[in-house]
Each structure stands twice: as C-alpha cells, then as structure tokens.
Amino acid sequence: MIDSHCHLEMFKEEIPKILKNANDVGVSTIVTIGSDIESIKEAIKIAEQYPMVYATVGIHPHDAKELNSDVIKKLFELSRHPKVVAIGEIGLDYYYKNSPKEVQREAFVLQLNLARELGLPVVIHSREAFEDTINILKEHNISKGVMHCFSGNVSQAKKAIDLGFFISISGVVTFKNAKSIKEVAKFVPDDYLMIETDAPYLSPEPMRGKRNEPAFLIYTAKALAELRGITFEDVDRITTLNAKRLFHIGDLPKGEIVYKIRDTLYLNITNRCTNICKFCIRFHTDYVKGHNLRLEREPSAEELIEAIEDPKKYKEIVFCGYGEPFLRLDLIKEVAKWIKEHGGKVRINTNGHGNIIHGRKILPELVGLIDSVSISLNAHDTETYNKICNPVLPNAYEEVIEFIKDAKKYIPQVQITVVNLKEVDIKKCEDIANSLGVKLKIRYLNEVG
C-alpha cells in the first residue's frame, strides 16, 4: 500500500520505528507532505534518507500570509529535488482562517501556477471552501492532483472527479457517524480512489485516541473494502496503482492475462472486439480494479493454464477481458476443457456474436465445457443497439437474440445484461428477458465482470 499523505517530520527521532511499523503491515511507500518551508526541508531530508519515502513542497493555506516572491523562488528550488513528487499541500481553509480568505486565494493561485510550470500534480487542502477551490482549479485549468482527506459529499466528489482529481480517503471513513464520507467512499470510481493517514492526525477506529501513523492505513483500507464490497487486496492494488499514476512512483503493472477480483479469476484473452460500444471501459482506461487489461500480445492456452494453477481455488473462472472471447474459440475450448477436468467452473462473458464470427452455431461445441454464460444484450431494439454498440458485423442485434435462444438449449445457466444508459429502455429489456426465459442483470458504467 501507499500512504499518500502524512507528516513524517512530526515523528522526529521515531521515524525509523514508524517506517518499520508501516513496512511490517504492507505499507511500502509513504508520501510525506510539506506545509511550510521548514517542514518541506525536513520532508526532503527524510525522503533522501529512506527509499520508501517521497516528499511534496507547498505552503498550507494556514500560512498563506507568509508566501511572497522569495518563498515562491525557494519552493521552485526545492521542487527540483528528484524525490519531490507534487506541489502541496496547498488550497483553502475557511474554517480556521489563519490567513485571510483573499490572501489564501492569491497564495493558492501562485502555487498552482508553479505546479503547472513544473509539470507536477497538486495536493489540495480544502476545508469549508469547496466551491472556491473548484472554481479556482477550473479557472486555471488544473486537472492533475488529489483532494486530500476529502470531507465533502458525493456531489462535490463528482465535481472534483469531473476535473480529473483523485479523491483521497482518510481514517475518518472508519468513524461510526461519518455518513457522508462513507457514501463518498462507496461512490468514487476505482480510477480515482486513493487512501491516506494524514498522520499524526485523524487516527482511524480502532486506534482513535492514539497518535496516528502510516501503519494504521490498514484500518482505512479494510473499511473501504467492506463499504465497496471488494477485498482488502483489491483496495491495496487499486489505491497503490492510483498513487503511482499520480505521483509517478515506481513501475506500473503490465497487461495481465489473468486477474483476480474477490473469489473469481478472470481470463483476459484478447483486446479485439466486434463492437465499438461507446460506453466500453477499454476506451477510457487500461485498468480494472487496479489490473492492467491492455494486452501487449494475446496469450496462448499453455500460458493461461500455467497462470490459473488450481481452478478449484476460485468460485468460477471467467473468460472476460477487454475484447470478445469468442474471437478465440479454439483457445476457449482447450482451456475450458482443462479447467473442467481439474474441478473448476467456467463462465463466458460475451457480446453474443459468436455465431456470426464463425459462420455457424458454436454453442453445441461447448456442451459440458461451460457452466454459465453472460450475454450482452445492451439494448431493447436494433436501432438503439446499432447506435450505442456500433457493431462491425451485419444483423448483429438479431444474431444476439438468436444466440441467447441457443444458449438456453446448451448452457446450464444463462443471463443477459444491459448497461444503464439513458438510451436504453430497461423495462423493454426486462420483457425481452422474460420472453426468452433468462435472467437480466443491469450493469453500470465502468463495471467489468
């Protein structure tokens, strides 16, 4: 995990112990945050001494009245250090008003300009000043940063995300009465989620009343996992990837041919598809739940079998990636046969174009190899389907309907899916599902699997 925001200089001579505690529980990287010139210098010293630590430079809004041309020049000099990864924490704080509002706004803009000049992301502090914060970020075209220790509501989180900002969740999410932050924690898309301690402040449950430290990040991660219905490992992977992306720390993962979400293993066998769906996640990001699905090359059956190891470890194994699995029918047959022989269950997520891809009815060939199939209906009629899915093959929607009928004959469990787009009449899709005798699942944007 990466603690994306803490203040290590406040731990002084205890830093070696604090870092060991963090490392022992799986916190591999820490970003220590500057808030005035002295703390910035200390942050950089710590980052120089410990490989797992990176630093930021910035003047906190509390100290905005101290910002002048000499300080800006010093910030510029300090920001050139190779372990400085952002400008921050900067922003607005109308709760304490340690500096006048107008002075805070001027200091904020000066540091945003510095970040743009340096090409660095920004770490934003905003307390009871959200609208001014967002308006200034918009006005100055800043779209690379994180809203630290986010304390707003879902509507405000959406505005920040629409600008391109990450939302960082602190230990506050573990507090019993933190209803608004819990709602935000469930809402934020995977691609925009980060976590932090803000240590030594804001200790999470069950450590409230004690001094916070980076090792306590595990409690925030566990709370997030429970709220989002995913595993602790999923939260670790997702938030680590996002911190790496924002701060350019370490290497990003390469394209994965198998990826685990909860207790299911997914097989990513191709990026090719016979639809160009306007809502498809592959046109927006390379990542799903922290996994990179952008393949550099298509895997062989042998590589997939080796990567699966023991099929019985998983609830099911699903052919599902960025492309249409049935473009690789022979590989599906070979790998599915091996999975079944070794005690596993197999599902295929498909757009339903298998028959037109191969010019024949393919499902009889899969009898005994496939336990369930999920077919993307995606629309209530041909016109809507063509509009939102842009199929490259003729008569695609009609063929999908026929494929669903075939699936009922040969596959034990069949469901169809639609995405909750405004163009799609969900009631009519329900009627189609009922007429075909299959279950309907409504999918939401950015959902895979």
Protein backbone atom coordinates (compact mmCIF):
# COMPACT_ATOMS: atom_id res chain seq x y z
CA MET A 1 0.00 0.00 0.00
CA ILE A 2 0.93 3.64 -0.39
CA ASP A 3 0.16 6.17 2.32
CA SER A 4 -0.42 9.12 0.02
CA HIS A 5 -0.39 11.80 2.73
CA CYS A 6 1.27 12.03 6.13
CA HIS A 7 3.65 14.31 8.02
CA LEU A 8 6.71 12.26 8.96
CA GLU A 9 8.72 15.25 10.18
CA MET A 10 6.42 15.35 13.21
CA PHE A 11 7.73 11.96 14.37
CA LYS A 12 11.32 13.23 14.67
CA GLU A 13 13.69 10.61 16.16
CA GLU A 14 10.96 7.91 15.97
CA ILE A 15 10.95 7.81 12.18
CA PRO A 16 12.90 4.51 11.82
CA LYS A 17 10.41 2.77 14.12
CA ILE A 18 7.43 4.36 12.38
CA LEU A 19 8.68 3.24 8.96
CA LYS A 20 9.32 -0.29 10.22
CA ASN A 21 5.80 -0.49 11.63
CA ALA A 22 4.44 0.61 8.28
CA ASN A 23 6.54 -1.83 6.30
CA ASP A 24 5.58 -4.70 8.61
CA VAL A 25 1.88 -4.32 7.72
CA GLY A 26 2.43 -3.85 3.98
CA VAL A 27 2.76 -0.09 3.58
CA SER A 28 5.65 0.01 1.13
CA THR A 29 5.66 3.69 0.20
CA ILE A 30 4.88 6.93 2.04
CA VAL A 31 4.43 10.45 0.70
CA THR A 32 5.36 12.95 3.41
CA ILE A 33 3.78 16.34 2.90
CA GLY A 34 5.33 19.78 3.19
CA SER A 35 3.26 22.64 4.58
CA ASP A 36 5.83 25.37 5.29
CA ILE A 37 9.49 25.90 4.39
CA GLU A 38 10.86 24.16 7.49
CA SER A 39 8.63 21.10 7.16
CA ILE A 40 9.46 20.91 3.44
CA LYS A 41 13.18 20.84 4.17
CA GLU A 42 12.64 18.10 6.76
CA ALA A 43 10.41 16.13 4.37
CA ILE A 44 13.10 16.18 1.70
CA LYS A 45 15.78 15.12 4.19
CA ILE A 46 13.65 12.15 5.24
CA ALA A 47 12.97 11.22 1.62
CA GLU A 48 16.70 11.35 0.90
CA GLN A 49 17.44 9.04 3.81
CA TYR A 50 14.71 6.41 3.24
CA PRO A 51 13.99 4.85 -0.18
CA MET A 52 10.33 4.20 0.69
CA VAL A 53 9.61 7.91 1.34
CA TYR A 54 8.79 10.67 -1.16
CA ALA A 55 8.08 14.33 -0.44
CA THR A 56 5.96 17.27 -1.58
CA VAL A 57 6.55 21.01 -1.35
CA GLY A 58 3.91 23.63 -0.69
CA ILE A 59 2.62 26.29 1.68
CA HIS A 60 -0.50 25.33 3.62
CA PRO A 61 -3.38 27.84 3.49
CA HIS A 62 -2.88 28.47 7.21
CA ASP A 63 0.49 30.01 6.32
CA ALA A 64 -0.60 31.71 3.11
CA LYS A 65 0.17 35.13 4.58
CA GLU A 66 3.86 34.12 4.65
CA LEU A 67 4.01 33.48 0.90
CA ASN A 68 5.98 36.02 -1.13
CA SER A 69 8.26 36.05 -4.16
CA ASP A 70 11.22 34.81 -2.12
CA VAL A 71 9.22 31.86 -0.80
CA ILE A 72 7.96 31.00 -4.29
CA LYS A 73 11.56 31.03 -5.51
CA LYS A 74 12.55 28.72 -2.65
CA LEU A 75 9.65 26.39 -3.44
CA PHE A 76 10.81 26.24 -7.04
CA GLU A 77 14.33 25.31 -5.97
CA LEU A 78 13.18 22.66 -3.51
CA SER A 79 10.72 21.15 -6.00
CA ARG A 80 13.58 20.24 -8.33
CA HIS A 81 14.70 17.53 -5.93
CA PRO A 82 14.28 14.08 -7.58
CA LYS A 83 12.18 12.74 -4.70
CA VAL A 84 9.67 15.59 -4.77
CA VAL A 85 6.52 14.28 -6.42
CA ALA A 86 3.95 17.08 -6.03
CA ILE A 87 3.15 20.63 -5.00
CA GLY A 88 1.21 20.56 -1.76
CA GLU A 89 -0.48 20.71 0.46
CA ILE A 90 -1.99 23.88 -0.92
CA GLY A 91 -5.52 25.20 -1.10
CA LEU A 92 -8.11 27.00 1.02
CA ASP A 93 -9.21 26.68 4.64
CA TYR A 94 -12.17 28.85 5.62
CA TYR A 95 -12.71 27.01 8.89
CA TYR A 96 -9.74 28.33 10.84
CA LYS A 97 -8.98 31.41 8.66
CA ASN A 98 -5.41 31.62 9.97
CA SER A 99 -4.80 33.68 6.83
CA PRO A 100 -7.41 36.00 5.28
CA LYS A 101 -9.51 34.44 2.52
CA GLU A 102 -8.20 36.71 -0.22
CA VAL A 103 -4.61 36.06 0.83
CA GLN A 104 -5.30 32.32 0.76
CA ARG A 105 -6.72 32.56 -2.74
CA GLU A 106 -3.73 34.53 -4.01
CA ALA A 107 -1.28 32.05 -2.49
CA PHE A 108 -3.27 29.16 -3.94
CA VAL A 109 -3.11 30.57 -7.47
CA LEU A 110 0.62 31.31 -7.24
CA GLN A 111 1.33 27.71 -6.26
CA LEU A 112 -0.99 26.30 -8.91
CA ASN A 113 0.98 28.28 -11.48
CA LEU A 114 4.18 26.85 -10.04
CA ALA A 115 2.82 23.31 -10.34
CA ARG A 116 1.86 23.90 -13.96
CA GLU A 117 5.29 25.32 -14.74
CA LEU A 118 6.98 22.30 -13.15
CA GLY A 119 4.57 19.72 -14.56
CA LEU A 120 3.79 18.40 -11.08
CA PRO A 121 0.43 17.31 -9.63
CA VAL A 122 -1.10 19.20 -6.72
CA VAL A 123 -2.17 18.02 -3.27
CA ILE A 124 -5.24 20.04 -2.32
CA HIS A 125 -6.38 21.01 1.18
CA SER A 126 -9.94 22.32 1.13
CA ARG A 127 -11.99 22.86 4.28
CA GLU A 128 -15.34 24.64 4.12
CA ALA A 129 -14.12 26.21 0.87
CA PHE A 130 -15.09 23.67 -1.76
CA GLU A 131 -16.77 25.95 -4.31
CA ASP A 132 -13.93 28.47 -4.29
CA THR A 133 -11.40 25.63 -4.52
CA ILE A 134 -13.11 24.03 -7.52
CA ASN A 135 -13.69 27.35 -9.28
CA ILE A 136 -10.03 28.33 -8.95
CA LEU A 137 -8.88 24.91 -10.22
CA LYS A 138 -11.24 25.26 -13.20
CA GLU A 139 -10.22 28.84 -13.92
CA HIS A 140 -6.55 27.86 -14.02
CA ASN A 141 -7.08 24.60 -15.95
CA ILE A 142 -5.61 22.36 -13.27
CA SER A 143 -6.64 18.72 -13.72
CA LYS A 144 -3.82 16.71 -12.17
CA GLY A 145 -3.97 16.25 -8.43
CA VAL A 146 -5.66 14.82 -5.37
CA MET A 147 -8.26 16.17 -2.97
CA HIS A 148 -6.52 15.27 0.28
CA CYS A 149 -8.55 13.96 3.24
CA PHE A 150 -11.75 14.58 1.32
CA SER A 151 -14.52 15.83 3.61
CA GLY A 152 -17.25 16.77 1.14
CA ASN A 153 -20.32 14.98 -0.16
CA VAL A 154 -20.95 12.81 -3.24
CA SER A 155 -21.97 15.77 -5.39
CA GLN A 156 -18.75 17.59 -4.55
CA ALA A 157 -16.68 14.46 -5.12
CA LYS A 158 -18.22 14.17 -8.58
CA LYS A 159 -17.25 17.74 -9.41
CA ALA A 160 -13.66 17.07 -8.39
CA ILE A 161 -13.54 13.82 -10.36
CA ASP A 162 -15.00 15.56 -13.42
CA LEU A 163 -11.97 17.85 -13.26
CA GLY A 164 -9.70 14.80 -13.20
CA PHE A 165 -8.87 14.81 -9.50
CA PHE A 166 -8.32 11.78 -7.30
CA ILE A 167 -10.28 11.54 -4.05
CA SER A 168 -8.20 10.53 -1.03
CA ILE A 169 -10.00 8.83 1.84
CA SER A 170 -8.62 9.09 5.36
CA GLY A 171 -9.33 7.27 8.62
CA VAL A 172 -12.46 9.39 9.04
CA VAL A 173 -14.24 6.74 6.94
CA THR A 174 -13.94 4.36 9.92
CA PHE A 175 -15.82 6.70 12.26
CA LYS A 176 -19.27 5.45 13.21
CA ASN A 177 -21.13 8.68 12.35
CA ALA A 178 -19.18 9.64 9.20
CA LYS A 179 -22.19 9.03 6.96
CA SER A 180 -21.25 11.46 4.17
CA ILE A 181 -17.69 10.16 3.77
CA LYS A 182 -18.91 6.56 3.76
CA GLU A 183 -21.22 7.47 0.87
CA VAL A 184 -18.33 9.13 -0.95
CA ALA A 185 -16.11 6.10 -0.31
CA LYS A 186 -18.69 3.86 -1.99
CA PHE A 187 -19.24 6.27 -4.88
CA VAL A 188 -15.71 7.11 -6.07
CA PRO A 189 -14.79 5.10 -9.20
CA ASP A 190 -11.78 2.82 -8.86
CA ASP A 191 -9.69 5.01 -11.18
CA TYR A 192 -9.98 7.99 -8.80
CA LEU A 193 -9.58 6.39 -5.37
CA MET A 194 -6.62 6.95 -3.04
CA ILE A 195 -6.04 6.45 0.71
CA GLU A 196 -4.03 8.26 3.35
CA THR A 197 -3.47 8.56 7.08
CA ASP A 198 -2.72 12.29 7.45
CA ALA A 199 -0.60 11.03 10.36
CA PRO A 200 -0.10 12.03 13.10
CA TYR A 201 -3.70 13.29 12.83
CA LEU A 202 -7.06 11.52 12.34
CA SER A 203 -6.39 8.10 13.80
CA PRO A 204 -8.89 5.55 12.47
CA GLU A 205 -11.01 3.18 14.52
CA PRO A 206 -9.95 1.18 16.49
CA MET A 207 -6.97 3.47 17.16
CA ARG A 208 -8.87 6.69 17.93
CA GLY A 209 -7.30 8.49 20.86
CA LYS A 210 -3.83 7.32 19.86
CA ARG A 211 -1.36 9.16 17.67
CA ASN A 212 -1.91 8.16 14.06
CA GLU A 213 0.89 6.60 11.99
CA PRO A 214 1.23 5.13 8.47
CA ALA A 215 0.85 1.55 9.77
CA PHE A 216 -2.76 2.39 10.65
CA LEU A 217 -3.55 2.72 6.92
CA ILE A 218 -4.69 -0.91 7.05
CA TYR A 219 -7.80 0.07 9.02
CA THR A 220 -8.85 2.59 6.39
CA ALA A 221 -8.22 0.04 3.63
CA LYS A 222 -10.27 -2.61 5.42
CA ALA A 223 -13.15 -0.19 5.96
CA LEU A 224 -13.09 0.76 2.28
CA ALA A 225 -13.11 -2.90 1.23
CA GLU A 226 -16.19 -3.56 3.33
CA LEU A 227 -18.01 -0.46 2.07
CA ARG A 228 -17.24 -1.23 -1.58
CA GLY A 229 -17.90 -4.97 -1.40
CA ILE A 230 -14.40 -5.94 -2.50
CA THR A 231 -11.38 -7.46 -0.80
CA PHE A 232 -8.64 -5.76 1.17
CA GLU A 233 -6.23 -6.90 -1.57
CA ASP A 234 -8.41 -5.16 -4.19
CA VAL A 235 -8.25 -1.87 -2.25
CA ASP A 236 -4.49 -2.26 -1.83
CA ARG A 237 -3.97 -2.85 -5.55
CA ILE A 238 -6.36 -0.13 -6.75
CA THR A 239 -5.11 2.65 -4.48
CA THR A 240 -1.45 1.74 -4.93
CA LEU A 241 -1.83 1.90 -8.70
CA ASN A 242 -3.55 5.29 -8.49
CA ALA A 243 -0.86 6.80 -6.25
CA LYS A 244 1.79 5.51 -8.65
CA ARG A 245 -0.07 7.02 -11.59
CA LEU A 246 -0.47 10.43 -9.95
CA PHE A 247 2.95 10.78 -8.35
CA HIS A 248 4.95 8.76 -10.93
CA ILE A 249 6.30 6.49 -8.22
CA GLY A 250 7.65 3.09 -9.29
CA ASP A 251 6.61 0.93 -12.22
CA LEU A 252 3.04 0.46 -13.41
CA PRO A 253 1.78 -3.11 -13.95
CA LYS A 254 1.93 -4.59 -17.43
CA GLY A 255 -1.05 -6.15 -19.19
CA GLU A 256 -2.34 -9.19 -17.29
CA ILE A 257 -3.66 -12.38 -18.87
CA VAL A 258 -5.38 -13.46 -15.65
CA TYR A 259 -6.71 -11.23 -12.91
CA LYS A 260 -8.50 -11.93 -9.64
CA ILE A 261 -11.42 -9.93 -8.25
CA ARG A 262 -12.85 -11.20 -4.96
CA ASP A 263 -13.02 -15.02 -5.30
CA THR A 264 -13.27 -15.11 -9.09
CA LEU A 265 -10.45 -15.45 -11.64
CA TYR A 266 -10.85 -13.69 -14.98
CA LEU A 267 -9.07 -14.69 -18.20
CA ASN A 268 -8.09 -11.81 -20.46
CA ILE A 269 -7.50 -13.41 -23.86
CA THR A 270 -7.89 -10.62 -26.44
CA ASN A 271 -8.32 -6.86 -26.83
CA ARG A 272 -10.14 -7.35 -30.15
CA CYS A 273 -13.91 -6.91 -30.33
CA THR A 274 -16.69 -6.90 -32.91
CA ASN A 275 -18.47 -4.00 -31.22
CA ILE A 276 -17.25 -0.46 -30.69
CA CYS A 277 -19.50 0.35 -27.75
CA LYS A 278 -19.45 4.00 -26.80
CA PHE A 279 -19.65 3.07 -23.09
CA CYS A 280 -16.89 0.44 -23.14
CA ILE A 281 -14.33 0.89 -20.38
CA ARG A 282 -11.45 -0.05 -22.71
CA PHE A 283 -11.78 3.32 -24.45
CA HIS A 284 -11.33 5.19 -21.16
CA THR A 285 -8.72 3.33 -19.14
CA ASP A 286 -6.30 0.42 -19.20
CA TYR A 287 -7.22 -0.59 -15.67
CA VAL A 288 -9.98 -2.52 -13.93
CA LYS A 289 -9.80 -2.87 -10.12
CA GLY A 290 -6.12 -1.99 -10.38
CA HIS A 291 -5.41 -4.64 -13.04
CA ASN A 292 -3.95 -3.60 -16.39
CA LEU A 293 -6.02 -5.31 -19.10
CA ARG A 294 -4.30 -3.76 -22.11
CA LEU A 295 -2.58 -6.80 -23.60
CA GLU A 296 0.74 -6.42 -25.37
CA ARG A 297 0.02 -9.74 -27.11
CA GLU A 298 -2.62 -12.46 -26.93
CA PRO A 299 -1.76 -15.33 -24.57
CA SER A 300 -1.55 -18.99 -25.55
CA ALA A 301 -3.62 -21.74 -23.94
CA GLU A 302 -0.48 -23.03 -22.23
CA GLU A 303 0.24 -19.61 -20.68
CA LEU A 304 -3.31 -19.33 -19.37
CA ILE A 305 -3.29 -22.83 -17.88
CA GLU A 306 0.02 -22.15 -16.17
CA ALA A 307 -1.30 -18.85 -14.77
CA ILE A 308 -4.53 -20.43 -13.46
CA GLU A 309 -2.65 -23.09 -11.43
CA ASP A 310 -5.51 -24.69 -9.43
CA PRO A 311 -9.04 -23.99 -10.76
CA LYS A 312 -10.62 -25.25 -7.52
CA LYS A 313 -9.25 -22.19 -5.69
CA TYR A 314 -11.87 -19.99 -7.35
CA LYS A 315 -15.64 -19.72 -7.23
CA GLU A 316 -15.51 -19.66 -11.02
CA ILE A 317 -13.15 -18.86 -13.86
CA VAL A 318 -14.47 -16.32 -16.36
CA PHE A 319 -13.39 -15.57 -19.90
CA CYS A 320 -13.74 -11.80 -19.68
CA GLY A 321 -11.33 -9.04 -20.63
CA TYR A 322 -11.27 -6.04 -22.93
CA GLY A 323 -12.29 -7.98 -26.04
CA GLU A 324 -14.75 -10.59 -27.30
CA PRO A 325 -13.65 -14.06 -26.10
CA PHE A 326 -15.34 -15.98 -28.92
CA LEU A 327 -12.87 -14.49 -31.38
CA ARG A 328 -10.59 -17.17 -29.89
CA LEU A 329 -12.99 -20.10 -29.85
CA ASP A 330 -10.37 -22.86 -30.15
CA LEU A 331 -8.45 -21.45 -27.19
CA ILE A 332 -11.66 -21.31 -25.13
CA LYS A 333 -12.35 -24.98 -25.87
CA GLU A 334 -8.85 -26.07 -24.87
CA VAL A 335 -8.62 -24.03 -21.68
CA ALA A 336 -12.24 -24.68 -20.58
CA LYS A 337 -11.72 -28.43 -21.05
CA TRP A 338 -8.63 -28.30 -18.82
CA ILE A 339 -10.46 -26.25 -16.18
CA LYS A 340 -13.37 -28.70 -16.06
CA GLU A 341 -11.02 -31.70 -15.88
CA HIS A 342 -9.35 -30.08 -12.87
CA GLY A 343 -12.52 -29.35 -10.91
CA GLY A 344 -13.24 -25.76 -11.89
CA LYS A 345 -16.34 -23.92 -13.07
CA VAL A 346 -16.36 -21.88 -16.29
CA ARG A 347 -18.28 -18.79 -17.32
CA ILE A 348 -18.03 -16.80 -20.54
CA ASN A 349 -18.93 -13.11 -20.83
CA THR A 350 -19.73 -12.43 -24.48
CA ASN A 351 -21.35 -9.90 -26.77
CA GLY A 352 -23.28 -12.75 -28.39
CA HIS A 353 -21.59 -12.52 -31.78
CA GLY A 354 -20.04 -16.00 -31.66
CA ASN A 355 -22.22 -17.48 -34.40
CA ILE A 356 -21.68 -14.66 -36.91
CA ILE A 357 -17.96 -14.54 -36.14
CA HIS A 358 -17.57 -18.21 -37.09
CA GLY A 359 -20.41 -18.61 -39.58
CA ARG A 360 -22.00 -21.49 -37.64
CA LYS A 361 -23.77 -22.29 -34.41
CA ILE A 362 -20.91 -22.71 -31.94
CA LEU A 363 -22.63 -23.48 -28.66
CA PRO A 364 -23.16 -27.23 -29.31
CA GLU A 365 -19.35 -27.45 -29.40
CA LEU A 366 -19.19 -26.15 -25.83
CA VAL A 367 -21.58 -28.59 -24.17
CA GLY A 368 -20.02 -29.83 -20.94
CA LEU A 369 -17.28 -27.18 -21.06
CA ILE A 370 -19.25 -24.11 -19.98
CA ASP A 371 -21.32 -23.82 -16.80
CA SER A 372 -22.74 -20.37 -17.43
CA VAL A 373 -22.77 -17.59 -19.97
CA SER A 374 -23.46 -13.87 -19.67
CA ILE A 375 -24.56 -12.26 -22.93
CA SER A 376 -24.58 -8.51 -23.53
CA LEU A 377 -28.00 -7.60 -24.93
CA ASN A 378 -27.31 -3.90 -24.28
CA ALA A 379 -30.46 -2.55 -25.96
CA HIS A 380 -34.17 -3.08 -26.42
CA ASP A 381 -34.17 -2.87 -30.24
CA THR A 382 -31.92 -2.90 -33.31
CA GLU A 383 -31.81 0.85 -33.78
CA THR A 384 -30.66 1.53 -30.22
CA TYR A 385 -28.16 -1.34 -30.34
CA ASN A 386 -26.56 -0.04 -33.53
CA LYS A 387 -26.40 3.46 -32.08
CA ILE A 388 -24.65 2.59 -28.81
CA CYS A 389 -22.68 -0.54 -29.79
CA ASN A 390 -21.56 0.28 -33.35
CA PRO A 391 -21.29 -3.38 -34.41
CA VAL A 392 -18.86 -4.16 -37.24
CA LEU A 393 -20.85 -7.25 -38.31
CA PRO A 394 -24.26 -7.13 -40.08
CA ASN A 395 -27.54 -8.01 -38.34
CA ALA A 396 -25.71 -8.10 -35.01
CA TYR A 397 -28.69 -7.44 -32.73
CA GLU A 398 -30.83 -10.12 -34.34
CA GLU A 399 -27.93 -12.55 -34.08
CA VAL A 400 -27.54 -11.76 -30.38
CA ILE A 401 -31.20 -12.68 -29.81
CA GLU A 402 -30.66 -15.99 -31.65
CA PHE A 403 -27.51 -16.64 -29.67
CA ILE A 404 -29.45 -16.21 -26.42
CA LYS A 405 -32.04 -18.73 -27.63
CA ASP A 406 -29.26 -21.20 -28.49
CA ALA A 407 -27.58 -20.67 -25.13
CA LYS A 408 -30.79 -21.74 -23.37
CA LYS A 409 -30.52 -25.10 -25.15
CA TYR A 410 -26.87 -25.87 -24.45
CA ILE A 411 -25.60 -23.93 -21.40
CA PRO A 412 -26.91 -24.67 -17.86
CA GLN A 413 -27.10 -21.04 -16.70
CA VAL A 414 -27.80 -18.07 -18.97
CA GLN A 415 -28.16 -14.39 -18.14
CA ILE A 416 -28.30 -11.31 -20.32
CA THR A 417 -27.00 -7.86 -19.40
CA VAL A 418 -27.75 -4.27 -20.29
CA VAL A 419 -25.94 -1.06 -19.36
CA ASN A 420 -27.97 1.64 -17.63
CA LEU A 421 -27.68 4.22 -20.40
CA LYS A 422 -30.39 6.82 -20.92
CA GLU A 423 -30.99 5.49 -24.45
CA VAL A 424 -31.87 2.03 -23.15
CA ASP A 425 -35.44 1.15 -22.13
CA ILE A 426 -34.81 -1.16 -19.18
CA LYS A 427 -38.48 -2.20 -18.94
CA LYS A 428 -38.47 -3.42 -22.53
CA CYS A 429 -35.21 -5.28 -21.88
CA GLU A 430 -36.88 -6.96 -18.89
CA ASP A 431 -39.74 -8.00 -21.19
CA ILE A 432 -37.25 -9.50 -23.66
CA ALA A 433 -35.50 -11.41 -20.87
CA ASN A 434 -38.83 -12.79 -19.64
CA SER A 435 -39.89 -13.81 -23.13
CA LEU A 436 -36.59 -15.67 -23.61
CA GLY A 437 -36.71 -17.24 -20.16
CA VAL A 438 -33.39 -15.83 -18.94
CA LYS A 439 -32.23 -13.63 -16.08
CA LEU A 440 -31.47 -9.94 -16.67
CA LYS A 441 -28.61 -8.09 -14.97
CA ILE A 442 -28.31 -4.32 -15.17
CA ARG A 443 -24.68 -3.25 -15.44
CA TYR A 444 -23.31 0.16 -14.56
CA LEU A 445 -20.67 2.16 -16.35
CA ASN A 446 -17.05 1.17 -15.58
CA GLU A 447 -18.18 -2.28 -14.43
CA VAL A 448 -16.40 -5.35 -15.80
CA GLY A 449 -17.33 -8.93 -14.99
